N, C-alpha and C. Protein backbone atom coordinates (compact mmCIF):
# COMPACT_ATOMS: atom_id res chain seq x y z
N MET A 1 -6.55 -21.38 35.50
CA MET A 1 -5.30 -20.99 34.67
C MET A 1 -5.85 -20.88 33.32
N LYS A 2 -6.88 -21.52 32.94
CA LYS A 2 -7.28 -21.20 31.59
C LYS A 2 -7.69 -19.98 30.96
N PRO A 3 -8.21 -18.85 31.86
CA PRO A 3 -8.30 -17.57 31.33
C PRO A 3 -6.97 -16.95 30.97
N TYR A 4 -5.98 -17.25 32.08
CA TYR A 4 -4.58 -16.82 31.79
C TYR A 4 -3.95 -17.29 30.48
N ASP A 5 -4.18 -18.17 30.15
CA ASP A 5 -3.54 -19.14 28.88
C ASP A 5 -4.22 -18.50 27.57
N ASP A 6 -5.56 -18.19 27.77
CA ASP A 6 -6.41 -17.58 26.73
C ASP A 6 -5.97 -16.31 26.55
N ALA A 7 -5.78 -15.52 27.49
CA ALA A 7 -5.27 -13.98 27.41
C ALA A 7 -3.90 -14.20 26.80
N VAL A 8 -2.96 -14.99 27.04
CA VAL A 8 -1.45 -15.14 26.71
C VAL A 8 -1.78 -15.37 25.10
N ALA A 9 -2.46 -16.38 24.76
CA ALA A 9 -2.66 -16.73 23.42
C ALA A 9 -3.38 -15.69 22.55
N PHE A 10 -4.27 -14.85 23.08
CA PHE A 10 -4.86 -13.80 22.56
C PHE A 10 -4.09 -12.87 22.05
N ASN A 11 -3.16 -12.38 22.95
CA ASN A 11 -2.31 -11.30 23.09
C ASN A 11 -1.04 -11.78 21.92
N GLN A 12 -0.68 -12.97 21.83
CA GLN A 12 0.39 -13.58 20.98
C GLN A 12 -0.23 -13.33 19.75
N ASN A 13 -1.50 -13.78 19.34
CA ASN A 13 -2.14 -13.55 17.98
C ASN A 13 -2.12 -12.20 17.69
N ASN A 14 -2.48 -11.32 18.52
CA ASN A 14 -2.16 -9.80 18.26
C ASN A 14 -0.98 -9.37 17.96
N LEU A 15 0.12 -9.81 18.38
CA LEU A 15 1.52 -9.65 18.27
C LEU A 15 1.83 -10.06 16.91
N ASP A 16 1.26 -11.46 16.74
CA ASP A 16 1.70 -12.01 15.37
C ASP A 16 1.16 -11.25 14.13
N ALA A 17 -0.04 -10.74 14.46
CA ALA A 17 -0.70 -10.16 13.29
C ALA A 17 -0.09 -8.56 13.01
N PHE A 18 0.38 -7.86 14.13
CA PHE A 18 1.03 -6.93 13.89
C PHE A 18 2.30 -6.98 13.20
N VAL A 19 3.09 -8.13 13.62
CA VAL A 19 4.35 -8.43 12.79
C VAL A 19 3.95 -8.72 11.29
N ALA A 20 2.92 -9.59 11.21
CA ALA A 20 2.65 -9.97 9.62
C ALA A 20 2.30 -8.61 8.99
N SER A 21 1.64 -7.70 9.50
CA SER A 21 1.23 -6.44 8.88
C SER A 21 2.39 -5.50 8.67
N SER A 22 3.29 -5.52 9.64
CA SER A 22 4.43 -4.69 9.46
C SER A 22 5.23 -5.34 8.30
N THR A 23 5.48 -6.40 8.20
CA THR A 23 6.28 -7.20 7.26
C THR A 23 6.00 -6.90 5.75
N VAL A 24 4.37 -6.92 5.76
CA VAL A 24 3.74 -6.67 4.34
C VAL A 24 4.12 -5.23 4.00
N PHE A 25 3.86 -4.56 5.07
CA PHE A 25 3.91 -2.85 4.67
C PHE A 25 5.36 -2.60 4.40
N ALA A 26 6.40 -3.09 4.96
CA ALA A 26 7.82 -3.17 4.76
C ALA A 26 8.10 -3.55 3.49
N LYS A 27 7.81 -4.82 2.89
CA LYS A 27 7.93 -5.21 1.61
C LYS A 27 7.40 -4.37 0.63
N GLY A 28 6.08 -4.06 0.89
CA GLY A 28 5.26 -3.04 -0.12
C GLY A 28 6.06 -1.95 -0.27
N PHE A 29 6.66 -1.08 0.88
CA PHE A 29 7.24 0.00 0.73
C PHE A 29 8.35 -0.17 -0.21
N GLU A 30 9.18 -1.38 0.00
CA GLU A 30 10.41 -1.42 -0.71
C GLU A 30 9.94 -1.69 -2.23
N GLN A 31 9.01 -2.42 -2.55
CA GLN A 31 8.53 -2.54 -3.81
C GLN A 31 8.18 -0.97 -4.51
N LEU A 32 7.51 -0.45 -3.73
CA LEU A 32 7.10 0.98 -4.23
C LEU A 32 8.31 1.92 -4.43
N THR A 33 9.19 1.74 -3.73
CA THR A 33 10.52 2.49 -3.70
C THR A 33 11.33 2.02 -5.00
N LYS A 34 11.24 0.89 -5.23
CA LYS A 34 11.91 0.32 -6.40
C LYS A 34 11.21 0.87 -7.67
N GLN A 35 9.83 0.94 -7.83
CA GLN A 35 9.02 1.08 -8.92
C GLN A 35 9.38 2.71 -9.08
N TYR A 36 9.25 3.46 -8.03
CA TYR A 36 9.51 4.83 -8.09
C TYR A 36 11.09 5.36 -8.71
N VAL A 37 11.99 4.55 -8.25
CA VAL A 37 13.38 4.89 -8.69
C VAL A 37 13.56 4.36 -10.11
N ALA A 38 12.94 3.23 -10.57
CA ALA A 38 12.83 2.83 -11.85
C ALA A 38 12.04 4.00 -12.78
N PHE A 39 11.26 4.54 -12.32
CA PHE A 39 10.40 5.34 -13.30
C PHE A 39 11.11 6.68 -13.23
N ALA A 40 11.70 7.27 -12.02
CA ALA A 40 12.69 8.41 -12.20
C ALA A 40 13.79 8.21 -13.17
N SER A 41 14.53 7.10 -12.92
CA SER A 41 15.73 6.84 -13.81
C SER A 41 15.17 6.73 -15.28
N GLU A 42 14.09 6.12 -15.74
CA GLU A 42 13.64 6.24 -17.12
C GLU A 42 13.29 7.36 -17.58
N SER A 43 12.67 8.34 -16.60
CA SER A 43 12.34 9.78 -16.82
C SER A 43 13.63 10.59 -17.36
N PHE A 44 14.54 10.30 -16.52
CA PHE A 44 15.76 10.98 -16.75
C PHE A 44 16.35 10.71 -18.13
N GLU A 45 16.47 9.40 -18.33
CA GLU A 45 16.95 9.06 -19.60
C GLU A 45 16.02 9.46 -20.84
N ASP A 46 14.78 9.35 -20.83
CA ASP A 46 13.84 9.83 -21.60
C ASP A 46 14.00 11.38 -21.69
N ALA A 47 14.29 12.14 -20.69
CA ALA A 47 14.63 13.79 -20.94
C ALA A 47 15.76 13.83 -21.65
N ILE A 48 16.84 13.05 -21.56
CA ILE A 48 18.05 13.27 -22.13
C ILE A 48 17.85 13.11 -23.72
N GLU A 49 17.03 11.92 -24.09
CA GLU A 49 16.89 11.62 -25.48
C GLU A 49 15.98 12.99 -25.95
N ALA A 50 14.95 13.21 -25.35
CA ALA A 50 14.10 14.34 -25.91
C ALA A 50 15.05 15.69 -26.01
N GLY A 51 15.89 15.89 -25.20
CA GLY A 51 16.80 17.05 -25.34
C GLY A 51 17.59 16.96 -26.66
N LYS A 52 18.01 15.73 -26.92
CA LYS A 52 18.97 15.47 -28.22
C LYS A 52 18.07 15.63 -29.39
N LYS A 53 16.65 15.05 -29.25
CA LYS A 53 16.02 15.37 -30.58
C LYS A 53 15.62 16.86 -30.62
N ILE A 54 15.12 17.49 -29.67
CA ILE A 54 14.84 18.87 -30.00
C ILE A 54 16.23 19.66 -30.62
N VAL A 55 17.46 19.43 -30.00
CA VAL A 55 18.44 20.27 -30.46
C VAL A 55 18.71 19.86 -31.95
N ALA A 56 18.42 18.59 -32.36
CA ALA A 56 18.62 18.07 -33.67
C ALA A 56 17.56 18.51 -34.64
N ALA A 57 16.60 19.20 -34.18
CA ALA A 57 15.67 19.55 -35.29
C ALA A 57 16.19 20.65 -36.29
N LYS A 58 15.77 20.37 -37.24
CA LYS A 58 16.11 21.47 -38.48
C LYS A 58 15.42 22.89 -38.28
N THR A 59 14.22 22.78 -38.01
CA THR A 59 13.34 24.22 -37.91
C THR A 59 12.68 24.30 -36.64
N VAL A 60 12.54 25.67 -36.39
CA VAL A 60 11.80 26.02 -35.15
C VAL A 60 10.74 25.34 -34.97
N ASN A 61 10.01 25.23 -36.05
CA ASN A 61 8.54 24.42 -36.17
C ASN A 61 8.72 22.93 -35.81
N GLU A 62 9.58 22.38 -36.30
CA GLU A 62 9.88 20.97 -35.94
C GLU A 62 10.36 20.90 -34.75
N ALA A 63 11.09 21.78 -33.90
CA ALA A 63 11.39 21.67 -32.52
C ALA A 63 10.29 21.94 -31.81
N VAL A 64 9.36 22.75 -32.06
CA VAL A 64 8.21 23.06 -31.36
C VAL A 64 7.22 21.96 -31.36
N ASP A 65 6.85 21.27 -32.59
CA ASP A 65 6.26 20.05 -32.65
C ASP A 65 6.90 18.88 -31.85
N MET A 66 7.97 18.77 -31.98
CA MET A 66 8.63 17.80 -31.21
C MET A 66 8.68 17.94 -29.72
N GLN A 67 8.70 19.00 -29.29
CA GLN A 67 8.49 19.52 -27.96
C GLN A 67 6.99 19.11 -27.45
N THR A 68 5.97 19.50 -28.34
CA THR A 68 4.72 19.29 -27.79
C THR A 68 4.27 17.59 -27.92
N LYS A 69 4.83 17.03 -28.76
CA LYS A 69 4.77 15.44 -28.74
C LYS A 69 5.38 14.96 -27.41
N ILE A 70 6.58 15.30 -27.33
CA ILE A 70 7.22 15.02 -26.06
C ILE A 70 6.53 15.22 -24.84
N ALA A 71 6.10 16.43 -24.71
CA ALA A 71 5.35 16.73 -23.53
C ALA A 71 3.98 16.02 -23.21
N LYS A 72 3.42 15.80 -24.48
CA LYS A 72 2.13 14.76 -24.40
C LYS A 72 2.49 13.49 -23.88
N ASP A 73 3.71 12.95 -24.62
CA ASP A 73 4.15 11.53 -24.14
C ASP A 73 4.45 11.53 -22.51
N VAL A 74 5.18 12.32 -22.17
CA VAL A 74 5.74 12.58 -20.73
C VAL A 74 4.46 12.64 -19.88
N TRP A 75 3.58 13.49 -20.11
CA TRP A 75 2.17 13.68 -19.42
C TRP A 75 1.54 12.23 -19.46
N GLU A 76 1.29 11.55 -20.46
CA GLU A 76 0.67 10.21 -20.40
C GLU A 76 1.53 9.14 -19.61
N LYS A 77 2.64 9.13 -19.74
CA LYS A 77 3.45 8.34 -19.00
C LYS A 77 3.53 8.50 -17.41
N ALA A 78 3.51 9.71 -17.30
CA ALA A 78 3.26 10.23 -15.71
C ALA A 78 1.90 9.62 -15.20
N VAL A 79 0.87 9.94 -15.80
CA VAL A 79 -0.48 9.68 -15.46
C VAL A 79 -0.52 7.99 -15.37
N SER A 80 0.15 7.36 -16.25
CA SER A 80 -0.08 5.87 -16.13
C SER A 80 0.67 5.27 -15.11
N GLU A 81 2.01 6.00 -14.89
CA GLU A 81 2.85 5.53 -13.73
C GLU A 81 2.15 5.84 -12.38
N GLY A 82 1.73 6.98 -12.27
CA GLY A 82 0.80 7.39 -11.19
C GLY A 82 -0.38 6.36 -10.79
N GLN A 83 -1.17 6.03 -11.81
CA GLN A 83 -2.13 4.91 -11.62
C GLN A 83 -1.46 3.66 -11.16
N LYS A 84 -0.50 3.26 -11.53
CA LYS A 84 0.14 2.08 -11.30
C LYS A 84 0.69 2.16 -9.90
N MET A 85 1.16 3.15 -9.37
CA MET A 85 1.76 3.39 -8.11
C MET A 85 0.47 3.40 -6.98
N SER A 86 -0.69 4.15 -7.59
CA SER A 86 -1.68 4.21 -6.73
C SER A 86 -2.49 2.94 -6.52
N ASP A 87 -2.48 1.97 -7.64
CA ASP A 87 -3.05 0.83 -7.39
C ASP A 87 -2.17 -0.07 -6.43
N LEU A 88 -0.66 -0.02 -6.62
CA LEU A 88 0.19 -0.78 -5.90
C LEU A 88 0.13 -0.43 -4.50
N SER A 89 -0.03 0.98 -4.12
CA SER A 89 -0.24 1.47 -2.81
C SER A 89 -1.48 0.89 -2.10
N THR A 90 -2.71 0.93 -2.78
CA THR A 90 -4.10 0.43 -2.40
C THR A 90 -3.80 -0.98 -2.11
N GLY A 91 -3.21 -1.84 -3.06
CA GLY A 91 -3.03 -3.42 -2.68
C GLY A 91 -2.47 -3.48 -1.54
N ILE A 92 -1.25 -2.85 -1.18
CA ILE A 92 -0.27 -2.93 -0.16
C ILE A 92 -1.14 -2.69 1.18
N PHE A 93 -1.94 -1.52 1.18
CA PHE A 93 -2.58 -1.27 2.25
C PHE A 93 -3.49 -2.02 2.64
N LYS A 94 -4.39 -2.79 1.72
CA LYS A 94 -5.25 -3.77 1.79
C LYS A 94 -4.68 -5.02 2.62
N GLU A 95 -3.46 -5.47 1.93
CA GLU A 95 -2.90 -6.61 2.41
C GLU A 95 -2.27 -6.49 3.80
N ALA A 96 -1.84 -5.21 4.11
CA ALA A 96 -1.18 -4.92 5.41
C ALA A 96 -2.12 -4.95 6.38
N SER A 97 -3.33 -4.34 6.02
CA SER A 97 -4.44 -4.13 7.09
C SER A 97 -5.14 -5.42 7.47
N ALA A 98 -5.24 -6.46 6.51
CA ALA A 98 -5.82 -7.73 6.62
C ALA A 98 -5.67 -8.25 8.18
N PRO A 99 -4.26 -8.62 8.41
CA PRO A 99 -3.88 -9.35 9.84
C PRO A 99 -4.66 -8.40 11.04
N ILE A 100 -4.45 -7.12 10.88
CA ILE A 100 -4.94 -6.19 11.79
C ILE A 100 -6.71 -6.30 12.05
N SER A 101 -7.13 -6.20 10.84
CA SER A 101 -8.65 -6.33 10.75
C SER A 101 -9.18 -7.56 11.14
N ASP A 102 -8.32 -8.67 10.98
CA ASP A 102 -8.62 -10.09 11.57
C ASP A 102 -8.84 -10.02 13.22
N ARG A 103 -7.92 -9.26 13.74
CA ARG A 103 -7.69 -9.35 15.16
C ARG A 103 -8.59 -8.48 15.72
N VAL A 104 -9.09 -7.35 14.99
CA VAL A 104 -10.13 -6.46 15.48
C VAL A 104 -11.41 -7.20 15.60
N GLN A 105 -11.61 -7.94 14.46
CA GLN A 105 -12.97 -8.80 14.58
C GLN A 105 -12.94 -9.90 15.59
N ALA A 106 -11.54 -10.69 15.86
CA ALA A 106 -11.60 -11.62 16.99
C ALA A 106 -11.76 -10.68 18.36
N THR A 107 -11.12 -9.61 18.67
CA THR A 107 -11.55 -8.78 19.68
C THR A 107 -12.87 -8.72 19.79
N VAL A 108 -13.77 -8.13 18.84
CA VAL A 108 -15.12 -7.88 19.13
C VAL A 108 -15.91 -9.23 19.30
N ASP A 109 -15.50 -10.36 18.60
CA ASP A 109 -15.99 -11.69 18.86
C ASP A 109 -15.74 -12.06 20.50
N VAL A 110 -14.60 -11.90 21.13
CA VAL A 110 -14.26 -12.17 22.34
C VAL A 110 -15.11 -11.26 23.21
N ALA A 111 -15.48 -10.14 23.00
CA ALA A 111 -16.09 -9.10 23.66
C ALA A 111 -17.40 -9.61 23.84
N ASN A 112 -18.08 -10.00 22.55
CA ASN A 112 -19.31 -10.29 22.61
C ASN A 112 -19.74 -11.69 23.12
N GLU A 113 -18.83 -12.56 23.14
CA GLU A 113 -18.88 -13.79 23.92
C GLU A 113 -18.78 -13.55 25.50
N THR A 114 -17.93 -12.68 25.88
CA THR A 114 -17.88 -12.38 27.32
C THR A 114 -19.21 -11.59 27.72
N ALA A 115 -19.57 -10.78 27.01
CA ALA A 115 -20.84 -10.29 27.39
C ALA A 115 -22.06 -11.13 27.50
N LYS A 116 -22.22 -12.08 26.33
CA LYS A 116 -23.08 -13.14 26.67
C LYS A 116 -23.07 -13.94 27.95
N LYS A 117 -21.74 -14.31 28.11
CA LYS A 117 -21.44 -15.18 29.52
C LYS A 117 -21.91 -14.21 30.83
N ALA A 118 -21.67 -13.12 30.83
CA ALA A 118 -21.83 -12.07 32.04
C ALA A 118 -23.50 -12.00 32.10
N ALA A 119 -24.07 -11.90 30.89
CA ALA A 119 -25.69 -11.67 30.84
C ALA A 119 -26.14 -13.07 31.49
N LYS A 120 -25.68 -14.48 31.11
CA LYS A 120 -26.20 -15.26 31.67
C LYS A 120 -26.00 -15.48 33.23
N THR A 121 -24.57 -15.24 33.65
CA THR A 121 -24.34 -15.28 34.94
C THR A 121 -25.16 -14.16 35.75
N THR A 122 -25.54 -13.03 35.09
CA THR A 122 -26.40 -12.03 35.83
C THR A 122 -27.89 -12.58 35.93
N LYS A 123 -28.41 -13.31 34.89
CA LYS A 123 -29.75 -13.76 35.12
C LYS A 123 -29.62 -14.93 36.20
N LYS A 124 -28.78 -15.73 36.14
CA LYS A 124 -28.84 -16.92 37.11
C LYS A 124 -28.55 -16.41 38.69
N ALA A 125 -27.86 -15.24 38.69
CA ALA A 125 -27.79 -14.58 39.93
C ALA A 125 -29.13 -13.88 40.51
N ALA A 126 -29.93 -13.54 39.44
CA ALA A 126 -31.11 -12.81 39.95
C ALA A 126 -32.18 -13.48 40.17
């Protein structure tokens, strides 16, 4: 009965790892979505403000200078936000894959142990 119990426990641990990984991934995806929505909302508000500033310019040169500065600021903000999203995504992936990686290692360990036992049994039989 022990091998059966071991197999059931092993498979239960695999299922638990899958659930843990899925939970982390779902929470991470929610976090990414919230960050993206916040960035999009902020960008929309910034665009409205930028439009107001450009329209209020007194000269064409002032409008062009303002537009250039706004474009630079938008670019820098987008790059910064992209890096944050990339870092967050990487962290989520690492955290979500950890339980599965642990189970893969456990599978390798069990396979190695089984192979050693089989080798000993083969030597005894020979």
